[in-house]
Amino acid sequence: MRLKLGCLLLLALAVMGCWDFEEVDRRAFATTIGIDPAAGGKVRLTVQVPILTGGRGGAVGGGESGFYTLIQTARTVNEAFAALQTKTGRDLVIQQNKVIVLGATAARAGVKSLIDYLRRNPKAPPQSLVFIARGKSAAAILSFVPPKEILPASELILAGQTVPKADRVYFIPLWEFVQKLVHQSKDPYAPLIGVDRREKCFVFSGMAVFAGDRLAGTLDEEESQAFGLLANLMKAGALTFTTAGRRITLRNVKGRTRIAVREEDGRPSFHFKTVVYAALGEDTAGRTGLTPADYRRLEEEATQALRPRLEAVVKKLQNWEADVIDCGETLRAYHQRLWVRVKSSWRKVYRQALTTVEVKVHLARDGSLR
């Protein structure tokens, strides 16, 4: 009896099959998505779709690139995506999306409405990387074809997985960007992306920081490294400073920043204590045989060079009301009563809060000399 029931069950499953099954060659995968503003309060959606039936030089309708681009202007992103379905004979799907590029103009106006479709769509991959186009539209970034990769999304994903790159700019997936966006005590950030058409490559140069859902400002490369230390994001970076007529570079830089909150006259103040561990990567003076006293002197010089960088970035973020280093989250987590009192006017409180920075650099070794 059990054997008969088992056979009937297997037969039923075989007959039913996968109700939503669809052949791969009948799908168009939106691997890269760009969003820009358009006239009349509309949005322009740009989508890159890989050509599955061919590659470089052999893709039908794709020229020498391995993808084709679809563009649609509509009132909302959802409406634009639905309209794009009419521009391809395949079913346009979002499940394989790798990269989301937001135009700088769109980001300054506010990104909540632009990514609302992506955060509500259960098929949108939460690990997609978010970028802000530096000085260009998202469509301009997506129009660039890097010579070394058939699909631009592949190059961007590889960059996000490379530690040396990730310690000069800091990549962020969609789920984390959205989490910071909707959180009352956090603000999101995203790497800036540009194009060097002479060198024919993408350029990751600095960070975009937000106050709420609006792009508040951008950090250059050196400021981005300071931000990485303050936000506990730097894992194996490199820092260069000048002292006594020579340049010193520290490599394998990693640090830990702790934020101490103090209450003064009913308002919070923040003390940043950053401890940095690094190795000596380069000394343009070419000195060898460093003594313990030399190390202590180098550590002090590095501390004196690094502290003003961190202080300047903290002040810049405060002026922009962009809390991307989680001062508000620290206050909410460890000083709940004070947070409840100030959260309704948090941005003003954050901008006016007293901040101090303490730095200590530890050099592990002077590298391998041959």
Protein backbone atom coordinates (compact mmCIF):
# COMPACT_ATOMS: atom_id res chain seq x y z
CA MET A 1 0.00 0.00 0.00
CA ARG A 2 2.78 2.41 0.94
CA LEU A 3 4.62 1.51 -2.25
CA LYS A 4 1.53 2.33 -4.33
CA LEU A 5 1.06 5.68 -2.57
CA GLY A 6 4.71 6.48 -3.14
CA CYS A 7 4.46 5.68 -6.83
CA LEU A 8 1.31 7.79 -7.19
CA LEU A 9 3.03 10.73 -5.46
CA LEU A 10 6.06 10.52 -7.76
CA LEU A 11 3.76 10.33 -10.79
CA ALA A 12 1.84 13.39 -9.62
CA LEU A 13 5.06 15.38 -9.15
CA ALA A 14 6.29 14.33 -12.57
CA VAL A 15 3.04 15.46 -14.20
CA MET A 16 2.94 18.77 -12.31
CA GLY A 17 6.54 19.73 -13.08
CA CYS A 18 7.77 23.27 -12.33
CA TRP A 19 4.83 25.55 -12.96
CA ASP A 20 6.97 28.67 -13.38
CA PHE A 21 9.78 27.05 -15.37
CA GLU A 22 11.11 29.07 -18.30
CA GLU A 23 14.00 28.36 -20.65
CA VAL A 24 17.07 30.54 -20.10
CA ASP A 25 17.13 31.64 -23.73
CA ARG A 26 13.62 33.03 -23.32
CA ARG A 27 14.77 35.42 -20.58
CA ALA A 28 16.54 38.78 -20.76
CA PHE A 29 18.57 39.35 -17.58
CA ALA A 30 18.80 42.94 -16.37
CA THR A 31 22.31 42.66 -14.90
CA THR A 32 23.00 46.40 -14.60
CA ILE A 33 20.43 49.10 -13.87
CA GLY A 34 20.88 52.87 -14.12
CA ILE A 35 18.38 55.44 -12.85
CA ASP A 36 18.33 59.15 -13.78
CA PRO A 37 15.79 61.97 -13.53
CA ALA A 38 13.93 63.00 -16.66
CA ALA A 39 11.90 66.04 -17.65
CA GLY A 40 8.48 66.49 -16.10
CA GLY A 41 9.35 64.73 -12.88
CA LYS A 42 9.81 61.43 -14.66
CA VAL A 43 12.63 58.89 -14.39
CA ARG A 44 14.85 57.38 -17.06
CA LEU A 45 15.68 53.72 -16.60
CA THR A 46 18.69 52.24 -18.39
CA VAL A 47 19.18 48.48 -18.37
CA GLN A 48 22.04 46.36 -19.67
CA VAL A 49 21.15 42.86 -20.85
CA PRO A 50 23.83 40.25 -21.67
CA ILE A 51 23.62 38.47 -25.02
CA LEU A 52 23.56 34.78 -24.16
CA THR A 53 23.86 33.45 -27.68
CA GLY A 54 27.17 35.06 -28.53
CA GLY A 55 30.24 36.85 -27.25
CA ARG A 56 32.66 39.49 -28.38
CA GLY A 57 32.51 39.83 -32.11
CA GLY A 58 29.85 37.14 -32.47
CA ALA A 59 26.74 38.43 -30.77
CA VAL A 60 23.84 38.99 -33.09
CA GLY A 61 22.66 42.59 -32.78
CA GLY A 62 25.25 43.42 -30.15
CA GLY A 63 28.23 44.52 -32.22
CA GLU A 64 31.47 43.81 -30.42
CA SER A 65 30.02 44.05 -26.92
CA GLY A 66 28.45 41.17 -25.07
CA PHE A 67 25.33 43.10 -24.10
CA TYR A 68 22.68 45.46 -25.39
CA THR A 69 21.09 48.43 -23.65
CA LEU A 70 17.42 49.26 -23.16
CA ILE A 71 16.26 52.75 -22.14
CA GLN A 72 12.80 53.84 -21.01
CA THR A 73 11.36 57.06 -19.55
CA ALA A 74 8.26 56.81 -17.39
CA ARG A 75 6.59 58.22 -14.30
CA THR A 76 8.04 55.58 -11.96
CA VAL A 77 10.76 52.95 -12.05
CA ASN A 78 8.16 50.18 -11.88
CA GLU A 79 6.30 51.66 -14.83
CA ALA A 80 9.55 52.04 -16.80
CA PHE A 81 10.57 48.46 -16.13
CA ALA A 82 7.16 47.21 -17.24
CA ALA A 83 7.39 49.31 -20.41
CA LEU A 84 10.80 47.83 -21.22
CA GLN A 85 9.12 44.44 -21.57
CA THR A 86 7.73 45.68 -24.88
CA LYS A 87 11.26 46.37 -26.20
CA THR A 88 12.48 42.79 -26.06
CA GLY A 89 11.03 39.54 -27.29
CA ARG A 90 12.19 37.83 -24.10
CA ASP A 91 10.92 38.06 -20.55
CA LEU A 92 12.92 40.86 -18.88
CA VAL A 93 13.83 39.66 -15.36
CA ILE A 94 15.67 41.26 -12.47
CA GLN A 95 16.83 38.17 -10.54
CA GLN A 96 20.40 38.38 -11.89
CA ASN A 97 20.91 42.10 -11.26
CA LYS A 98 24.47 42.82 -10.10
CA VAL A 99 24.86 46.61 -10.13
CA ILE A 100 22.65 49.67 -9.55
CA VAL A 101 23.99 53.07 -10.68
CA LEU A 102 22.20 56.23 -9.55
CA GLY A 103 22.85 59.51 -11.32
CA ALA A 104 24.26 62.27 -9.10
CA THR A 105 21.42 64.63 -10.01
CA ALA A 106 18.87 62.01 -9.04
CA ALA A 107 20.71 61.31 -5.78
CA ARG A 108 20.71 65.00 -4.79
CA ALA A 109 16.94 65.13 -5.22
CA GLY A 110 16.40 62.04 -3.06
CA VAL A 111 16.75 58.32 -3.73
CA LYS A 112 13.92 56.78 -1.72
CA SER A 113 11.44 56.93 -4.57
CA LEU A 114 14.06 55.74 -7.06
CA ILE A 115 14.95 52.51 -5.25
CA ASP A 116 11.54 51.83 -3.72
CA TYR A 117 10.72 49.42 -6.55
CA LEU A 118 13.97 47.53 -5.98
CA ARG A 119 13.55 47.21 -2.21
CA ARG A 120 9.93 46.04 -2.52
CA ASN A 121 10.50 43.58 -5.35
CA PRO A 122 11.21 40.14 -3.80
CA LYS A 123 13.07 39.15 -6.97
CA ALA A 124 15.59 42.02 -6.75
CA PRO A 125 18.88 40.59 -5.41
CA PRO A 126 19.73 42.30 -2.09
CA GLN A 127 23.48 41.84 -2.73
CA SER A 128 23.49 44.11 -5.82
CA LEU A 129 26.15 46.81 -5.44
CA VAL A 130 25.05 50.47 -5.36
CA PHE A 131 27.10 53.19 -7.10
CA ILE A 132 26.69 56.94 -7.60
CA ALA A 133 27.78 58.36 -10.97
CA ARG A 134 30.45 61.02 -10.47
CA GLY A 135 29.56 64.13 -12.47
CA LYS A 136 27.66 62.09 -15.02
CA SER A 137 24.32 60.44 -15.55
CA ALA A 138 23.85 56.77 -14.86
CA ALA A 139 23.07 56.34 -18.57
CA ALA A 140 26.52 57.73 -19.46
CA ILE A 141 28.19 55.20 -17.16
CA LEU A 142 26.18 52.33 -18.62
CA SER A 143 26.98 53.40 -22.17
CA PHE A 144 30.69 52.70 -21.58
CA VAL A 145 32.06 49.37 -22.78
CA PRO A 146 35.27 48.29 -21.00
CA PRO A 147 37.56 46.43 -23.41
CA LYS A 148 38.56 43.71 -20.96
CA GLU A 149 35.09 42.55 -19.95
CA ILE A 150 32.21 41.42 -22.13
CA LEU A 151 29.79 42.54 -19.41
CA PRO A 152 30.50 45.76 -17.43
CA ALA A 153 28.70 44.40 -14.35
CA SER A 154 31.35 41.67 -14.11
CA GLU A 155 34.14 44.24 -13.82
CA LEU A 156 32.27 46.21 -11.17
CA ILE A 157 31.55 43.09 -9.12
CA LEU A 158 35.19 42.00 -9.31
CA ALA A 159 36.26 45.44 -8.11
CA GLY A 160 33.96 45.16 -5.12
CA GLN A 161 35.54 41.84 -4.19
CA THR A 162 39.14 43.13 -4.38
CA VAL A 163 40.45 44.19 -0.98
CA PRO A 164 42.99 46.82 -2.19
CA LYS A 165 40.22 48.58 -4.13
CA ALA A 166 37.81 48.24 -1.23
CA ASP A 167 40.22 50.13 1.03
CA ARG A 168 40.22 53.20 -1.20
CA VAL A 169 36.47 53.29 -1.75
CA TYR A 170 33.91 51.30 0.21
CA PHE A 171 31.35 49.23 -1.65
CA ILE A 172 27.85 48.70 -0.29
CA PRO A 173 25.15 46.16 -1.25
CA LEU A 174 21.54 47.17 -1.81
CA TRP A 175 20.27 45.58 1.41
CA GLU A 176 22.71 47.58 3.56
CA PHE A 177 22.10 50.80 1.63
CA VAL A 178 18.35 50.42 2.19
CA GLN A 179 18.82 49.48 5.85
CA LYS A 180 20.78 52.70 6.48
CA LEU A 181 18.32 54.69 4.38
CA VAL A 182 15.26 53.74 6.43
CA HIS A 183 17.01 53.78 9.82
CA GLN A 184 16.41 56.91 11.87
CA SER A 185 19.89 56.89 13.40
CA LYS A 186 21.97 56.01 10.31
CA ASP A 187 22.75 57.48 6.91
CA PRO A 188 23.86 55.61 3.76
CA TYR A 189 26.97 56.02 1.65
CA ALA A 190 28.03 54.65 -1.74
CA PRO A 191 31.16 54.66 -3.90
CA LEU A 192 31.50 57.15 -6.74
CA ILE A 193 32.04 55.72 -10.20
CA GLY A 194 33.38 57.50 -13.25
CA VAL A 195 34.83 56.62 -16.65
CA ASP A 196 38.31 57.28 -18.02
CA ARG A 197 37.69 57.03 -21.75
CA ARG A 198 41.34 57.58 -22.64
CA GLU A 199 42.49 54.67 -20.49
CA LYS A 200 39.24 52.83 -21.30
CA CYS A 201 38.37 51.85 -17.74
CA PHE A 202 35.99 52.54 -14.90
CA VAL A 203 37.36 54.77 -12.13
CA PHE A 204 36.39 54.42 -8.48
CA SER A 205 37.28 57.75 -6.92
CA GLY A 206 35.85 58.74 -3.57
CA MET A 207 32.61 58.32 -1.70
CA ALA A 208 29.13 59.81 -1.85
CA VAL A 209 27.58 60.44 1.56
CA PHE A 210 23.91 61.03 2.28
CA ALA A 211 21.87 63.01 4.77
CA GLY A 212 18.67 61.01 4.86
CA ASP A 213 17.91 60.04 1.27
CA ARG A 214 19.63 63.03 -0.35
CA LEU A 215 23.21 63.16 -1.55
CA ALA A 216 24.88 65.60 0.85
CA GLY A 217 28.42 65.70 -0.53
CA THR A 218 31.39 63.72 -1.80
CA LEU A 219 34.70 62.73 -0.23
CA ASP A 220 37.92 62.56 -2.22
CA GLU A 221 40.26 59.57 -2.00
CA GLU A 222 42.20 60.74 1.07
CA GLU A 223 39.01 61.75 2.87
CA SER A 224 37.47 58.40 1.95
CA GLN A 225 40.34 56.60 3.66
CA ALA A 226 39.78 58.67 6.80
CA PHE A 227 36.08 57.81 6.60
CA GLY A 228 37.05 54.12 6.30
CA LEU A 229 38.98 54.31 9.56
CA LEU A 230 36.22 56.19 11.37
CA ALA A 231 33.54 53.76 10.15
CA ASN A 232 35.65 50.63 10.82
CA LEU A 233 35.68 49.69 7.14
CA MET A 234 39.41 49.74 6.32
CA LYS A 235 40.95 46.26 6.40
CA ALA A 236 44.23 46.45 4.49
CA GLY A 237 44.68 49.99 3.28
CA ALA A 238 47.64 52.26 2.53
CA LEU A 239 48.24 55.75 3.94
CA THR A 240 50.92 58.25 2.89
CA PHE A 241 52.14 61.30 4.80
CA THR A 242 55.07 63.70 4.63
CA THR A 243 57.45 64.34 7.49
CA ALA A 244 60.92 65.85 7.75
CA GLY A 245 61.22 66.24 3.98
CA ARG A 246 60.43 62.62 3.14
CA ARG A 247 57.30 60.63 2.37
CA ILE A 248 56.22 57.68 4.47
CA THR A 249 53.68 55.11 3.30
CA LEU A 250 51.99 52.71 5.70
CA ARG A 251 50.61 49.49 4.25
CA ASN A 252 48.23 46.82 5.51
CA VAL A 253 46.51 49.54 7.50
CA LYS A 254 43.59 48.50 9.65
CA GLY A 255 42.05 50.21 12.59
CA ARG A 256 39.34 50.25 15.17
CA THR A 257 37.34 53.33 16.10
CA ARG A 258 35.23 53.47 19.22
CA ILE A 259 32.80 56.32 19.85
CA ALA A 260 32.32 57.49 23.43
CA VAL A 261 29.23 59.59 24.11
CA ARG A 262 29.10 62.20 26.83
CA GLU A 263 26.12 64.28 27.90
CA GLU A 264 26.67 67.98 28.42
CA ASP A 265 23.76 70.32 29.20
CA GLY A 266 21.29 67.78 27.86
CA ARG A 267 23.15 67.40 24.57
CA PRO A 268 25.53 64.68 23.39
CA SER A 269 29.20 65.12 22.58
CA PHE A 270 31.27 62.48 20.80
CA HIS A 271 34.83 61.34 21.36
CA PHE A 272 36.41 59.19 18.63
CA LYS A 273 39.27 56.94 19.69
CA THR A 274 40.99 55.38 16.69
CA VAL A 275 43.70 52.75 17.07
CA VAL A 276 45.60 52.01 13.83
CA TYR A 277 47.80 48.98 13.13
CA ALA A 278 50.10 49.08 10.09
CA ALA A 279 53.43 48.06 8.60
CA LEU A 280 55.99 50.40 7.09
CA GLY A 281 55.50 50.16 3.36
CA GLU A 282 57.86 52.81 2.03
CA ASP A 283 60.29 55.45 3.29
CA THR A 284 61.59 57.70 0.53
CA ALA A 285 64.67 58.41 2.66
CA GLY A 286 65.58 54.71 2.27
CA ARG A 287 66.59 54.31 5.91
CA THR A 288 67.41 50.84 7.26
CA GLY A 289 68.29 49.46 10.64
CA LEU A 290 65.49 51.25 12.45
CA THR A 291 65.75 51.21 16.24
CA PRO A 292 62.84 51.02 18.69
CA ALA A 293 63.25 54.77 19.18
CA ASP A 294 62.90 55.25 15.40
CA TYR A 295 59.68 53.25 15.45
CA ARG A 296 58.26 55.32 18.28
CA ARG A 297 59.14 58.49 16.38
CA LEU A 298 57.48 57.17 13.21
CA GLU A 299 54.37 56.21 15.16
CA GLU A 300 54.15 59.71 16.61
CA GLU A 301 54.68 61.32 13.21
CA ALA A 302 51.99 59.10 11.71
CA THR A 303 49.64 60.02 14.55
CA GLN A 304 50.26 63.73 14.05
CA ALA A 305 49.62 63.38 10.31
CA LEU A 306 46.49 61.27 10.63
CA ARG A 307 44.63 63.08 13.41
CA PRO A 308 43.85 66.29 11.44
CA ARG A 309 42.60 64.18 8.52
CA LEU A 310 40.10 62.40 10.74
CA GLU A 311 39.08 65.64 12.46
CA ALA A 312 38.48 67.36 9.11
CA VAL A 313 36.28 64.52 7.84
CA VAL A 314 34.25 64.44 11.06
CA LYS A 315 33.62 68.20 10.79
CA LYS A 316 32.75 67.97 7.11
CA LEU A 317 30.21 65.21 7.75
CA GLN A 318 28.70 67.23 10.60
CA ASN A 319 28.36 70.31 8.39
CA TRP A 320 26.56 68.17 5.81
CA GLU A 321 24.41 66.53 8.53
CA ALA A 322 25.51 63.21 7.05
CA ASP A 323 25.83 60.69 9.88
CA VAL A 324 27.58 57.90 7.98
CA ILE A 325 29.86 57.06 10.92
CA ASP A 326 26.96 56.04 13.17
CA CYS A 327 27.07 58.67 15.90
CA GLY A 328 23.29 58.52 16.12
CA GLU A 329 23.28 54.72 16.27
CA THR A 330 25.83 54.75 19.10
CA LEU A 331 23.69 57.28 20.96
CA ARG A 332 20.52 55.26 20.39
CA ALA A 333 22.11 51.98 21.46
CA TYR A 334 23.92 53.12 24.61
CA HIS A 335 22.13 56.30 25.74
CA GLN A 336 18.49 55.56 25.01
CA ARG A 337 16.98 58.30 27.20
CA LEU A 338 19.13 61.00 25.67
CA TRP A 339 18.37 59.69 22.18
CA VAL A 340 14.62 59.87 22.82
CA ARG A 341 15.02 63.52 23.81
CA VAL A 342 17.00 64.59 20.75
CA LYS A 343 15.89 62.26 17.94
CA SER A 344 13.21 64.63 16.63
CA SER A 345 15.91 67.24 15.95
CA TRP A 346 18.80 64.81 15.51
CA ARG A 347 20.35 66.36 12.41
CA LYS A 348 20.64 69.78 14.02
CA VAL A 349 21.97 68.22 17.23
CA TYR A 350 24.50 66.19 15.27
CA ARG A 351 25.70 69.20 13.30
CA GLN A 352 26.26 71.25 16.46
CA ALA A 353 27.66 68.47 18.68
CA LEU A 354 31.15 68.83 20.15
CA THR A 355 33.50 66.20 18.71
CA THR A 356 37.07 65.24 19.60
CA VAL A 357 39.41 62.76 17.95
CA GLU A 358 42.15 60.68 19.55
CA VAL A 359 44.52 58.61 17.38
CA LYS A 360 47.18 56.04 18.22
CA VAL A 361 49.30 54.36 15.51
CA HIS A 362 51.14 51.06 16.07
CA LEU A 363 53.79 49.98 13.55
CA ALA A 364 54.25 46.22 13.46
CA ARG A 365 57.43 45.97 11.34
CA ASP A 366 59.45 47.77 8.68
CA GLY A 367 58.75 45.34 5.87
CA SER A 368 61.03 42.85 4.17
CA LEU A 369 64.38 44.40 3.14
CA ARG A 370 66.43 42.63 0.50
